[in-house]
Amino acid sequence: MPYELFSDEYYMNEALKEAKKAFDKDEVPVGAVIVAKNHIIARAHNLTETLNDVTAHAEMQVITAAASAIGGKYLTDCTLYVTVEPCFMCAGALSWAQITRVVYGATDPKKGFMRSDYPLLHKKTQVTANVLRDECASLMKQFFQQKR
């Protein structure tokens, strides 16, 4: 189904394309894009298995790519779209990057940053949850069912 251009659903669908790339590589299927001024400036997906690096989450990869694309470490006026709620590590990195907005699909009831009693994101960061939640959650469920 086509989504309205520049909508949260449109960009989350782009993050889902990245998650499917991870799935095809036998990585946990999390995908992310960062948007600035209605343009995707960075795309990434989990690479923890490929790189043998526990920090190679989609969010960490896309933060690095976006910072390179804009030539600076602060991602103000940028929005992250990620298929699964970021973990504590990724939320900390997003805070340091001062990202303006985080939009995620499926919640992570075990390791998601929203479980913290301490605010992990920058105080000005806005959060939108559950965008294309069912599609994002379905990909994760499919991946872990294959692992059992």
N, C-alpha and C. Protein backbone atom coordinates (compact mmCIF):
# COMPACT_ATOMS: atom_id res chain seq x y z
N MET A 1 0.85 -1.18 0.00
CA MET A 1 0.00 0.00 0.00
C MET A 1 0.89 1.24 0.00
N PRO A 2 0.67 2.16 -0.92
CA PRO A 2 1.48 3.38 -0.94
C PRO A 2 1.09 4.31 0.22
N TYR A 3 2.07 4.97 0.74
CA TYR A 3 1.84 5.91 1.83
C TYR A 3 2.07 7.32 1.32
N GLU A 4 1.40 8.27 1.95
CA GLU A 4 1.56 9.67 1.56
C GLU A 4 3.03 10.08 1.72
N LEU A 5 3.56 10.69 0.68
CA LEU A 5 4.95 11.14 0.68
C LEU A 5 5.18 12.06 1.87
N PHE A 6 6.31 11.91 2.52
CA PHE A 6 6.74 12.71 3.67
C PHE A 6 5.95 12.43 4.95
N SER A 7 5.15 11.37 4.97
CA SER A 7 4.41 11.02 6.19
C SER A 7 5.26 10.09 7.05
N ASP A 8 4.89 9.98 8.32
CA ASP A 8 5.59 9.04 9.21
C ASP A 8 5.51 7.62 8.65
N GLU A 9 4.38 7.27 8.09
CA GLU A 9 4.21 5.92 7.53
C GLU A 9 5.13 5.70 6.33
N TYR A 10 5.29 6.70 5.51
CA TYR A 10 6.19 6.59 4.36
C TYR A 10 7.62 6.30 4.81
N TYR A 11 8.10 7.10 5.76
CA TYR A 11 9.48 6.92 6.21
C TYR A 11 9.66 5.63 7.01
N MET A 12 8.64 5.23 7.77
CA MET A 12 8.75 3.96 8.49
C MET A 12 8.79 2.80 7.50
N ASN A 13 8.07 2.92 6.41
CA ASN A 13 8.13 1.89 5.38
C ASN A 13 9.55 1.79 4.81
N GLU A 14 10.23 2.91 4.69
CA GLU A 14 11.62 2.91 4.24
C GLU A 14 12.51 2.21 5.28
N ALA A 15 12.25 2.44 6.55
CA ALA A 15 12.99 1.75 7.62
C ALA A 15 12.71 0.25 7.56
N LEU A 16 11.48 -0.13 7.25
CA LEU A 16 11.13 -1.54 7.11
C LEU A 16 11.91 -2.20 5.97
N LYS A 17 12.17 -1.47 4.90
CA LYS A 17 12.99 -2.02 3.81
C LYS A 17 14.39 -2.36 4.33
N GLU A 18 14.92 -1.52 5.21
CA GLU A 18 16.22 -1.80 5.81
C GLU A 18 16.14 -3.01 6.73
N ALA A 19 15.06 -3.11 7.50
CA ALA A 19 14.88 -4.26 8.39
C ALA A 19 14.84 -5.56 7.60
N LYS A 20 14.23 -5.52 6.43
CA LYS A 20 14.17 -6.72 5.59
C LYS A 20 15.55 -7.10 5.07
N LYS A 21 16.40 -6.12 4.83
CA LYS A 21 17.79 -6.41 4.45
C LYS A 21 18.49 -7.15 5.58
N ALA A 22 18.26 -6.70 6.82
CA ALA A 22 18.85 -7.37 7.98
C ALA A 22 18.32 -8.80 8.07
N PHE A 23 17.02 -8.96 7.92
CA PHE A 23 16.39 -10.28 7.95
C PHE A 23 17.06 -11.22 6.95
N ASP A 24 17.28 -10.73 5.75
CA ASP A 24 17.89 -11.54 4.69
C ASP A 24 19.33 -11.91 5.00
N LYS A 25 19.99 -11.15 5.88
CA LYS A 25 21.37 -11.44 6.29
C LYS A 25 21.43 -12.24 7.58
N ASP A 26 20.25 -12.70 8.06
CA ASP A 26 20.14 -13.43 9.31
C ASP A 26 20.55 -12.57 10.51
N GLU A 27 20.31 -11.27 10.38
CA GLU A 27 20.48 -10.32 11.47
C GLU A 27 19.11 -10.06 12.09
N VAL A 28 19.07 -9.69 13.37
CA VAL A 28 17.79 -9.28 13.96
C VAL A 28 17.25 -8.14 13.09
N PRO A 29 16.02 -8.28 12.59
CA PRO A 29 15.52 -7.35 11.58
C PRO A 29 15.05 -6.00 12.11
N VAL A 30 16.02 -5.15 12.36
CA VAL A 30 15.74 -3.77 12.75
C VAL A 30 16.34 -2.88 11.68
N GLY A 31 15.54 -1.94 11.20
CA GLY A 31 16.00 -1.00 10.19
C GLY A 31 15.74 0.42 10.64
N ALA A 32 16.52 1.34 10.09
CA ALA A 32 16.40 2.74 10.49
C ALA A 32 16.75 3.67 9.33
N VAL A 33 16.09 4.82 9.32
CA VAL A 33 16.46 5.91 8.42
C VAL A 33 16.44 7.20 9.23
N ILE A 34 17.27 8.14 8.81
CA ILE A 34 17.24 9.48 9.40
C ILE A 34 16.88 10.46 8.30
N VAL A 35 15.93 11.34 8.63
CA VAL A 35 15.37 12.29 7.69
C VAL A 35 15.68 13.71 8.14
N ALA A 36 16.10 14.54 7.18
CA ALA A 36 16.30 15.97 7.41
C ALA A 36 15.65 16.71 6.24
N LYS A 37 14.83 17.68 6.56
CA LYS A 37 14.16 18.48 5.53
C LYS A 37 13.47 17.60 4.48
N ASN A 38 12.76 16.60 4.95
CA ASN A 38 11.99 15.68 4.10
C ASN A 38 12.83 14.82 3.17
N HIS A 39 14.12 14.70 3.45
CA HIS A 39 14.99 13.84 2.65
C HIS A 39 15.68 12.82 3.55
N ILE A 40 15.73 11.58 3.10
CA ILE A 40 16.46 10.56 3.84
C ILE A 40 17.95 10.82 3.63
N ILE A 41 18.65 11.08 4.73
CA ILE A 41 20.09 11.36 4.63
C ILE A 41 20.93 10.16 5.02
N ALA A 42 20.30 9.15 5.66
CA ALA A 42 21.05 7.95 6.06
C ALA A 42 20.09 6.79 6.22
N ARG A 43 20.59 5.60 5.89
CA ARG A 43 19.85 4.34 6.02
C ARG A 43 20.77 3.32 6.66
N ALA A 44 20.20 2.44 7.47
CA ALA A 44 21.02 1.38 8.07
C ALA A 44 20.12 0.28 8.61
N HIS A 45 20.75 -0.85 8.92
CA HIS A 45 20.08 -1.96 9.56
C HIS A 45 21.08 -2.64 10.49
N ASN A 46 20.57 -3.52 11.33
CA ASN A 46 21.45 -4.22 12.27
C ASN A 46 22.57 -4.94 11.53
N LEU A 47 23.76 -4.86 12.10
CA LEU A 47 24.93 -5.55 11.56
C LEU A 47 25.74 -6.23 12.66
N THR A 48 25.11 -6.56 13.76
CA THR A 48 25.85 -7.12 14.90
C THR A 48 26.50 -8.45 14.57
N GLU A 49 25.84 -9.29 13.80
CA GLU A 49 26.41 -10.59 13.42
C GLU A 49 27.47 -10.40 12.33
N THR A 50 27.15 -9.61 11.34
CA THR A 50 28.06 -9.37 10.22
C THR A 50 29.40 -8.79 10.70
N LEU A 51 29.32 -7.82 11.59
CA LEU A 51 30.52 -7.14 12.09
C LEU A 51 31.07 -7.76 13.38
N ASN A 52 30.34 -8.74 13.92
CA ASN A 52 30.73 -9.35 15.19
C ASN A 52 30.93 -8.25 16.25
N ASP A 53 29.93 -7.36 16.34
CA ASP A 53 30.02 -6.16 17.18
C ASP A 53 28.66 -5.93 17.84
N VAL A 54 28.61 -6.07 19.15
CA VAL A 54 27.34 -5.91 19.85
C VAL A 54 26.79 -4.49 19.78
N THR A 55 27.61 -3.52 19.42
CA THR A 55 27.13 -2.14 19.31
C THR A 55 26.64 -1.78 17.92
N ALA A 56 26.68 -2.70 16.98
CA ALA A 56 26.33 -2.40 15.59
C ALA A 56 24.82 -2.46 15.34
N HIS A 57 24.06 -1.84 16.25
CA HIS A 57 22.61 -1.75 16.09
C HIS A 57 22.29 -0.80 14.93
N ALA A 58 21.12 -0.95 14.36
CA ALA A 58 20.69 -0.10 13.25
C ALA A 58 20.79 1.38 13.61
N GLU A 59 20.38 1.71 14.83
CA GLU A 59 20.41 3.12 15.25
C GLU A 59 21.83 3.66 15.30
N MET A 60 22.76 2.87 15.82
CA MET A 60 24.15 3.31 15.91
C MET A 60 24.74 3.50 14.52
N GLN A 61 24.41 2.58 13.61
CA GLN A 61 24.90 2.67 12.24
C GLN A 61 24.35 3.91 11.53
N VAL A 62 23.06 4.17 11.73
CA VAL A 62 22.43 5.29 11.02
C VAL A 62 22.85 6.63 11.61
N ILE A 63 23.11 6.69 12.91
CA ILE A 63 23.62 7.93 13.51
C ILE A 63 24.97 8.28 12.89
N THR A 64 25.85 7.30 12.78
CA THR A 64 27.17 7.53 12.20
C THR A 64 27.06 7.99 10.75
N ALA A 65 26.19 7.32 9.99
CA ALA A 65 26.02 7.68 8.57
C ALA A 65 25.43 9.08 8.42
N ALA A 66 24.47 9.43 9.26
CA ALA A 66 23.84 10.75 9.18
C ALA A 66 24.83 11.85 9.56
N ALA A 67 25.61 11.61 10.60
CA ALA A 67 26.60 12.60 11.01
C ALA A 67 27.61 12.84 9.89
N SER A 68 27.99 11.78 9.22
CA SER A 68 28.89 11.90 8.08
C SER A 68 28.23 12.68 6.94
N ALA A 69 26.96 12.41 6.69
CA ALA A 69 26.24 13.06 5.60
C ALA A 69 26.11 14.57 5.82
N ILE A 70 25.90 14.97 7.07
CA ILE A 70 25.73 16.41 7.33
C ILE A 70 27.03 17.09 7.75
N GLY A 71 28.05 16.31 8.02
CA GLY A 71 29.34 16.88 8.39
C GLY A 71 29.40 17.43 9.80
N GLY A 72 28.63 16.82 10.69
CA GLY A 72 28.65 17.24 12.09
C GLY A 72 28.02 16.20 12.98
N LYS A 73 28.32 16.28 14.27
CA LYS A 73 27.87 15.23 15.19
C LYS A 73 26.47 15.45 15.75
N TYR A 74 25.92 16.63 15.61
CA TYR A 74 24.60 16.90 16.16
C TYR A 74 23.53 16.76 15.09
N LEU A 75 22.50 16.00 15.41
CA LEU A 75 21.42 15.72 14.46
C LEU A 75 20.16 16.51 14.80
N THR A 76 20.38 17.78 15.14
CA THR A 76 19.22 18.65 15.38
C THR A 76 18.51 18.85 14.05
N ASP A 77 17.23 19.01 14.12
CA ASP A 77 16.39 19.13 12.91
C ASP A 77 16.37 17.84 12.09
N CYS A 78 16.61 16.71 12.74
CA CYS A 78 16.54 15.40 12.09
C CYS A 78 15.56 14.51 12.84
N THR A 79 14.99 13.56 12.11
CA THR A 79 14.08 12.57 12.69
C THR A 79 14.60 11.18 12.39
N LEU A 80 14.65 10.35 13.42
CA LEU A 80 14.99 8.93 13.27
C LEU A 80 13.70 8.14 13.15
N TYR A 81 13.63 7.29 12.13
CA TYR A 81 12.56 6.31 12.01
C TYR A 81 13.21 4.95 12.19
N VAL A 82 12.74 4.20 13.17
CA VAL A 82 13.33 2.89 13.45
C VAL A 82 12.20 1.90 13.71
N THR A 83 12.35 0.69 13.23
CA THR A 83 11.27 -0.29 13.26
C THR A 83 10.97 -0.84 14.65
N VAL A 84 11.95 -0.78 15.55
CA VAL A 84 11.76 -1.28 16.92
C VAL A 84 12.26 -0.21 17.89
N GLU A 85 11.57 -0.08 18.99
CA GLU A 85 11.95 0.87 20.04
C GLU A 85 13.43 0.73 20.38
N PRO A 86 14.18 1.82 20.37
CA PRO A 86 15.61 1.75 20.68
C PRO A 86 15.89 1.24 22.09
N CYS A 87 17.03 0.59 22.23
CA CYS A 87 17.48 0.12 23.55
C CYS A 87 18.12 1.28 24.31
N PHE A 88 18.54 1.01 25.52
CA PHE A 88 19.16 2.04 26.36
C PHE A 88 20.43 2.60 25.71
N MET A 89 21.26 1.73 25.15
CA MET A 89 22.51 2.18 24.51
C MET A 89 22.20 3.14 23.37
N CYS A 90 21.28 2.76 22.52
CA CYS A 90 20.96 3.58 21.36
C CYS A 90 20.28 4.89 21.79
N ALA A 91 19.45 4.83 22.80
CA ALA A 91 18.82 6.06 23.31
C ALA A 91 19.88 7.02 23.83
N GLY A 92 20.89 6.49 24.50
CA GLY A 92 21.97 7.34 24.97
C GLY A 92 22.70 8.01 23.82
N ALA A 93 22.97 7.26 22.77
CA ALA A 93 23.64 7.83 21.59
C ALA A 93 22.76 8.88 20.92
N LEU A 94 21.46 8.62 20.86
CA LEU A 94 20.54 9.59 20.28
C LEU A 94 20.48 10.86 21.10
N SER A 95 20.61 10.72 22.41
CA SER A 95 20.66 11.89 23.28
C SER A 95 21.90 12.73 23.00
N TRP A 96 23.05 12.06 22.92
CA TRP A 96 24.29 12.77 22.62
C TRP A 96 24.23 13.45 21.27
N ALA A 97 23.55 12.83 20.31
CA ALA A 97 23.42 13.40 18.97
C ALA A 97 22.39 14.54 18.92
N GLN A 98 21.62 14.67 19.99
CA GLN A 98 20.59 15.71 20.11
C GLN A 98 19.56 15.65 18.98
N ILE A 99 19.19 14.43 18.64
CA ILE A 99 18.19 14.25 17.57
C ILE A 99 16.88 14.90 17.99
N THR A 100 16.20 15.50 17.05
CA THR A 100 14.98 16.24 17.35
C THR A 100 13.79 15.33 17.62
N ARG A 101 13.71 14.22 16.88
CA ARG A 101 12.52 13.37 16.99
C ARG A 101 12.89 11.92 16.75
N VAL A 102 12.24 11.04 17.51
CA VAL A 102 12.39 9.59 17.34
C VAL A 102 11.00 9.02 17.07
N VAL A 103 10.88 8.28 15.98
CA VAL A 103 9.63 7.61 15.63
C VAL A 103 9.95 6.12 15.54
N TYR A 104 9.22 5.31 16.31
CA TYR A 104 9.47 3.87 16.23
C TYR A 104 8.19 3.10 15.99
N GLY A 105 8.38 1.87 15.48
CA GLY A 105 7.26 1.01 15.15
C GLY A 105 6.84 0.14 16.32
N ALA A 106 7.47 -1.00 16.47
CA ALA A 106 7.12 -1.96 17.53
C ALA A 106 7.81 -1.60 18.84
N THR A 107 7.13 -1.85 19.93
CA THR A 107 7.75 -1.65 21.25
C THR A 107 8.65 -2.84 21.56
N ASP A 108 9.60 -2.60 22.45
CA ASP A 108 10.47 -3.67 22.94
C ASP A 108 10.26 -3.75 24.45
N PRO A 109 9.36 -4.65 24.88
CA PRO A 109 9.01 -4.71 26.30
C PRO A 109 10.15 -5.16 27.22
N LYS A 110 11.21 -5.73 26.66
CA LYS A 110 12.32 -6.21 27.49
C LYS A 110 13.46 -5.22 27.57
N LYS A 111 13.85 -4.63 26.43
CA LYS A 111 15.05 -3.80 26.41
C LYS A 111 14.83 -2.39 25.87
N GLY A 112 13.60 -2.00 25.62
CA GLY A 112 13.33 -0.68 25.08
C GLY A 112 13.59 0.43 26.08
N PHE A 113 14.00 1.58 25.57
CA PHE A 113 14.38 2.70 26.44
C PHE A 113 13.22 3.27 27.23
N MET A 114 11.99 3.06 26.78
CA MET A 114 10.83 3.59 27.51
C MET A 114 10.65 2.90 28.86
N ARG A 115 11.36 1.80 29.10
CA ARG A 115 11.26 1.08 30.37
C ARG A 115 12.01 1.80 31.49
N SER A 116 12.84 2.75 31.13
CA SER A 116 13.67 3.45 32.11
C SER A 116 12.86 4.50 32.89
N ASP A 117 13.13 4.59 34.17
CA ASP A 117 12.53 5.65 34.98
C ASP A 117 13.29 6.96 34.78
N TYR A 118 14.47 6.87 34.20
CA TYR A 118 15.32 8.03 33.95
C TYR A 118 15.17 8.43 32.48
N PRO A 119 14.97 9.70 32.20
CA PRO A 119 14.84 10.10 30.79
C PRO A 119 16.16 9.91 30.04
N LEU A 120 16.17 9.06 29.04
CA LEU A 120 17.40 8.73 28.33
C LEU A 120 17.65 9.60 27.10
N LEU A 121 16.60 10.12 26.50
CA LEU A 121 16.76 10.98 25.33
C LEU A 121 17.01 12.43 25.75
N HIS A 122 17.48 13.23 24.82
CA HIS A 122 17.68 14.66 25.06
C HIS A 122 16.34 15.27 25.46
N LYS A 123 16.38 16.25 26.32
CA LYS A 123 15.14 16.82 26.86
C LYS A 123 14.22 17.42 25.80
N LYS A 124 14.76 17.80 24.65
CA LYS A 124 13.94 18.39 23.59
C LYS A 124 13.46 17.36 22.55
N THR A 125 13.91 16.13 22.65
CA THR A 125 13.54 15.10 21.67
C THR A 125 12.08 14.70 21.84
N GLN A 126 11.36 14.70 20.74
CA GLN A 126 9.97 14.25 20.73
C GLN A 126 9.93 12.79 20.31
N VAL A 127 8.98 12.03 20.87
CA VAL A 127 8.86 10.60 20.57
C VAL A 127 7.46 10.30 20.04
N THR A 128 7.41 9.54 18.97
CA THR A 128 6.16 9.03 18.42
C THR A 128 6.31 7.52 18.33
N ALA A 129 5.37 6.79 18.92
CA ALA A 129 5.44 5.33 18.97
C ALA A 129 4.35 4.70 18.11
N ASN A 130 4.56 3.44 17.77
CA ASN A 130 3.56 2.57 17.15
C ASN A 130 3.21 2.92 15.71
N VAL A 131 4.13 3.53 14.97
CA VAL A 131 3.90 3.80 13.56
C VAL A 131 4.19 2.50 12.79
N LEU A 132 3.21 2.01 12.07
CA LEU A 132 3.27 0.71 11.37
C LEU A 132 3.69 -0.41 12.33
N ARG A 133 3.19 -0.31 13.55
CA ARG A 133 3.52 -1.26 14.62
C ARG A 133 3.35 -2.71 14.20
N ASP A 134 2.21 -3.03 13.60
CA ASP A 134 1.93 -4.43 13.26
C ASP A 134 2.92 -4.98 12.25
N GLU A 135 3.25 -4.18 11.23
CA GLU A 135 4.21 -4.62 10.22
C GLU A 135 5.59 -4.82 10.82
N CYS A 136 6.00 -3.90 11.69
CA CYS A 136 7.31 -3.99 12.33
C CYS A 136 7.38 -5.20 13.27
N ALA A 137 6.35 -5.38 14.07
CA ALA A 137 6.31 -6.49 15.02
C ALA A 137 6.26 -7.83 14.29
N SER A 138 5.53 -7.89 13.19
CA SER A 138 5.39 -9.13 12.43
C SER A 138 6.73 -9.63 11.91
N LEU A 139 7.56 -8.72 11.43
CA LEU A 139 8.88 -9.10 10.92
C LEU A 139 9.75 -9.68 12.04
N MET A 140 9.68 -9.06 13.21
CA MET A 140 10.45 -9.57 14.36
C MET A 140 9.94 -10.96 14.77
N LYS A 141 8.63 -11.11 14.85
CA LYS A 141 8.06 -12.41 15.23
C LYS A 141 8.46 -13.50 14.24
N GLN A 142 8.38 -13.18 12.97
CA GLN A 142 8.76 -14.15 11.93
C GLN A 142 10.22 -14.56 12.09
N PHE A 143 11.09 -13.60 12.34
CA PHE A 143 12.52 -13.89 12.50
C PHE A 143 12.76 -14.84 13.68
N PHE A 144 12.17 -14.52 14.83
CA PHE A 144 12.43 -15.34 16.02
C PHE A 144 11.72 -16.68 15.97
N GLN A 145 10.62 -16.78 15.25
CA GLN A 145 9.98 -18.08 15.08
C GLN A 145 10.87 -19.01 14.26
N GLN A 146 11.57 -18.47 13.29
CA GLN A 146 12.49 -19.27 12.49
C GLN A 146 13.70 -19.74 13.32
N LYS A 147 14.03 -18.99 14.36
CA LYS A 147 15.18 -19.34 15.20
C LYS A 147 14.85 -20.47 16.17
N ARG A 148 13.59 -20.69 16.43
CA ARG A 148 13.21 -21.72 17.42
C ARG A 148 13.21 -23.09 16.84
